[in-house]
Amino acid sequence: MPPDLLLHLAREALYLALALAAPVALAALLAAILVGVLGATTGIQEGSIGFAPRLAAGAAALAITGPFVIAEIERFFGVVLAAVGGAVT
């Protein structure tokens, strides 16, 4: 396998990992900010209160973007198999 092809696949894999993790991470971040603002306005500073909303937001984001994530992983796997198949023959 040529080094430039390997470098391209590695770059695309890293980009794909960031793109697929971003919706869940952003949803959890927004939930944490909202819980933090709510905690600051009410004066409740319990750390365990913020866990459930972050977990729910992450699960909801994963449920919404799940089909897209699976489709992108399948697409990338096809690209990698085609590249490896082309390099082997």
C-alpha atoms as a PDB file:
ATOM      1  CA  MET A   1       0.000   0.000   0.000  1.00  0.00           C
ATOM      2  CA  PRO A   2       1.501   3.347  -0.991  1.00  0.00           C
ATOM      3  CA  PRO A   3       2.337   5.709   1.888  1.00  0.00           C
ATOM      4  CA  ASP A   4       0.249   8.540   0.458  1.00  0.00           C
ATOM      5  CA  LEU A   5      -2.838   6.311   0.340  1.00  0.00           C
ATOM      6  CA  LEU A   6      -2.233   5.180   3.903  1.00  0.00           C
ATOM      7  CA  LEU A   7      -1.807   8.792   5.012  1.00  0.00           C
ATOM      8  CA  HIS A   8      -5.025   9.765   3.221  1.00  0.00           C
ATOM      9  CA  LEU A   9      -6.974   6.936   4.884  1.00  0.00           C
ATOM     10  CA  ALA A  10      -5.561   7.819   8.315  1.00  0.00           C
ATOM     11  CA  ARG A  11      -6.479  11.488   7.835  1.00  0.00           C
ATOM     12  CA  GLU A  12      -9.986  10.550   6.715  1.00  0.00           C
ATOM     13  CA  ALA A  13     -10.378   8.179   9.685  1.00  0.00           C
ATOM     14  CA  LEU A  14      -9.438  10.922  12.148  1.00  0.00           C
ATOM     15  CA  TYR A  15     -11.761  13.401  10.477  1.00  0.00           C
ATOM     16  CA  LEU A  16     -14.560  10.846  10.497  1.00  0.00           C
ATOM     17  CA  ALA A  17     -14.038  10.095  14.192  1.00  0.00           C
ATOM     18  CA  LEU A  18     -14.254  13.803  15.028  1.00  0.00           C
ATOM     19  CA  ALA A  19     -17.300  14.343  12.820  1.00  0.00           C
ATOM     20  CA  LEU A  20     -19.162  11.370  14.279  1.00  0.00           C
ATOM     21  CA  ALA A  21     -18.360  12.199  17.909  1.00  0.00           C
ATOM     22  CA  ALA A  22     -19.216  15.896  17.561  1.00  0.00           C
ATOM     23  CA  PRO A  23     -23.046  15.693  17.823  1.00  0.00           C
ATOM     24  CA  VAL A  24     -22.955  13.673  21.053  1.00  0.00           C
ATOM     25  CA  ALA A  25     -20.237  15.851  22.562  1.00  0.00           C
ATOM     26  CA  LEU A  26     -22.027  19.073  21.623  1.00  0.00           C
ATOM     27  CA  ALA A  27     -25.334  17.831  23.013  1.00  0.00           C
ATOM     28  CA  ALA A  28     -23.674  16.899  26.302  1.00  0.00           C
ATOM     29  CA  LEU A  29     -21.891  20.268  26.371  1.00  0.00           C
ATOM     30  CA  LEU A  30     -25.127  22.188  25.830  1.00  0.00           C
ATOM     31  CA  ALA A  31     -26.862  20.154  28.522  1.00  0.00           C
ATOM     32  CA  ALA A  32     -23.988  20.852  30.930  1.00  0.00           C
ATOM     33  CA  ILE A  33     -24.163  24.579  30.218  1.00  0.00           C
ATOM     34  CA  LEU A  34     -27.924  24.642  30.760  1.00  0.00           C
ATOM     35  CA  VAL A  35     -27.626  22.666  34.012  1.00  0.00           C
ATOM     36  CA  GLY A  36     -24.828  24.973  35.134  1.00  0.00           C
ATOM     37  CA  VAL A  37     -26.877  28.086  34.448  1.00  0.00           C
ATOM     38  CA  LEU A  38     -29.887  26.556  36.171  1.00  0.00           C
ATOM     39  CA  GLY A  39     -27.741  25.552  39.142  1.00  0.00           C
ATOM     40  CA  ALA A  40     -26.252  29.047  39.373  1.00  0.00           C
ATOM     41  CA  THR A  41     -29.645  30.742  39.290  1.00  0.00           C
ATOM     42  CA  THR A  42     -31.224  28.442  41.865  1.00  0.00           C
ATOM     43  CA  GLY A  43     -28.159  28.147  44.083  1.00  0.00           C
ATOM     44  CA  ILE A  44     -28.106  24.344  43.939  1.00  0.00           C
ATOM     45  CA  GLN A  45     -24.484  23.282  43.492  1.00  0.00           C
ATOM     46  CA  GLU A  46     -24.777  19.498  43.646  1.00  0.00           C
ATOM     47  CA  GLY A  47     -22.461  17.796  41.155  1.00  0.00           C
ATOM     48  CA  SER A  48     -24.538  14.696  40.682  1.00  0.00           C
ATOM     49  CA  ILE A  49     -27.550  16.656  39.404  1.00  0.00           C
ATOM     50  CA  GLY A  50     -25.877  17.390  36.080  1.00  0.00           C
ATOM     51  CA  PHE A  51     -25.133  13.778  35.195  1.00  0.00           C
ATOM     52  CA  ALA A  52     -28.630  12.674  34.193  1.00  0.00           C
ATOM     53  CA  PRO A  53     -29.310  15.565  31.747  1.00  0.00           C
ATOM     54  CA  ARG A  54     -25.913  15.107  30.101  1.00  0.00           C
ATOM     55  CA  LEU A  55     -26.514  11.380  29.761  1.00  0.00           C
ATOM     56  CA  ALA A  56     -30.003  11.949  28.351  1.00  0.00           C
ATOM     57  CA  ALA A  57     -28.764  14.580  25.886  1.00  0.00           C
ATOM     58  CA  GLY A  58     -25.960  12.321  24.701  1.00  0.00           C
ATOM     59  CA  ALA A  59     -28.308   9.360  24.297  1.00  0.00           C
ATOM     60  CA  ALA A  60     -30.833  11.489  22.409  1.00  0.00           C
ATOM     61  CA  ALA A  61     -28.131  12.844  20.093  1.00  0.00           C
ATOM     62  CA  LEU A  62     -26.862   9.329  19.485  1.00  0.00           C
ATOM     63  CA  ALA A  63     -30.389   8.090  18.756  1.00  0.00           C
ATOM     64  CA  ILE A  64     -30.996  10.938  16.308  1.00  0.00           C
ATOM     65  CA  THR A  65     -27.645  10.744  14.511  1.00  0.00           C
ATOM     66  CA  GLY A  66     -27.275   6.959  14.771  1.00  0.00           C
ATOM     67  CA  PRO A  67     -28.346   6.137  11.200  1.00  0.00           C
ATOM     68  CA  PHE A  68     -25.973   8.783   9.821  1.00  0.00           C
ATOM     69  CA  VAL A  69     -23.128   7.445  11.959  1.00  0.00           C
ATOM     70  CA  ILE A  70     -23.672   3.870  10.788  1.00  0.00           C
ATOM     71  CA  ALA A  71     -23.930   4.953   7.140  1.00  0.00           C
ATOM     72  CA  GLU A  72     -20.680   6.914   7.351  1.00  0.00           C
ATOM     73  CA  ILE A  73     -18.860   4.030   9.038  1.00  0.00           C
ATOM     74  CA  GLU A  74     -20.106   1.657   6.322  1.00  0.00           C
ATOM     75  CA  ARG A  75     -18.994   4.100   3.613  1.00  0.00           C
ATOM     76  CA  PHE A  76     -15.527   4.469   5.121  1.00  0.00           C
ATOM     77  CA  PHE A  77     -15.181   0.707   5.558  1.00  0.00           C
ATOM     78  CA  GLY A  78     -16.011   0.270   1.870  1.00  0.00           C
ATOM     79  CA  VAL A  79     -13.372   2.837   0.926  1.00  0.00           C
ATOM     80  CA  VAL A  80     -10.778   1.097   3.089  1.00  0.00           C
ATOM     81  CA  LEU A  81     -11.631  -2.336   1.663  1.00  0.00           C
ATOM     82  CA  ALA A  82     -11.411  -0.977  -1.888  1.00  0.00           C
ATOM     83  CA  ALA A  83      -8.054   0.621  -1.115  1.00  0.00           C
ATOM     84  CA  VAL A  84      -6.672  -2.530   0.491  1.00  0.00           C
ATOM     85  CA  GLY A  85      -8.058  -4.683  -2.328  1.00  0.00           C
ATOM     86  CA  GLY A  86      -6.476  -2.416  -4.910  1.00  0.00           C
ATOM     87  CA  ALA A  87      -3.157  -2.444  -3.077  1.00  0.00           C
ATOM     88  CA  VAL A  88      -3.044  -6.229  -2.664  1.00  0.00           C
ATOM     89  CA  THR A  89      -3.636  -7.105  -6.307  1.00  0.00           C
END
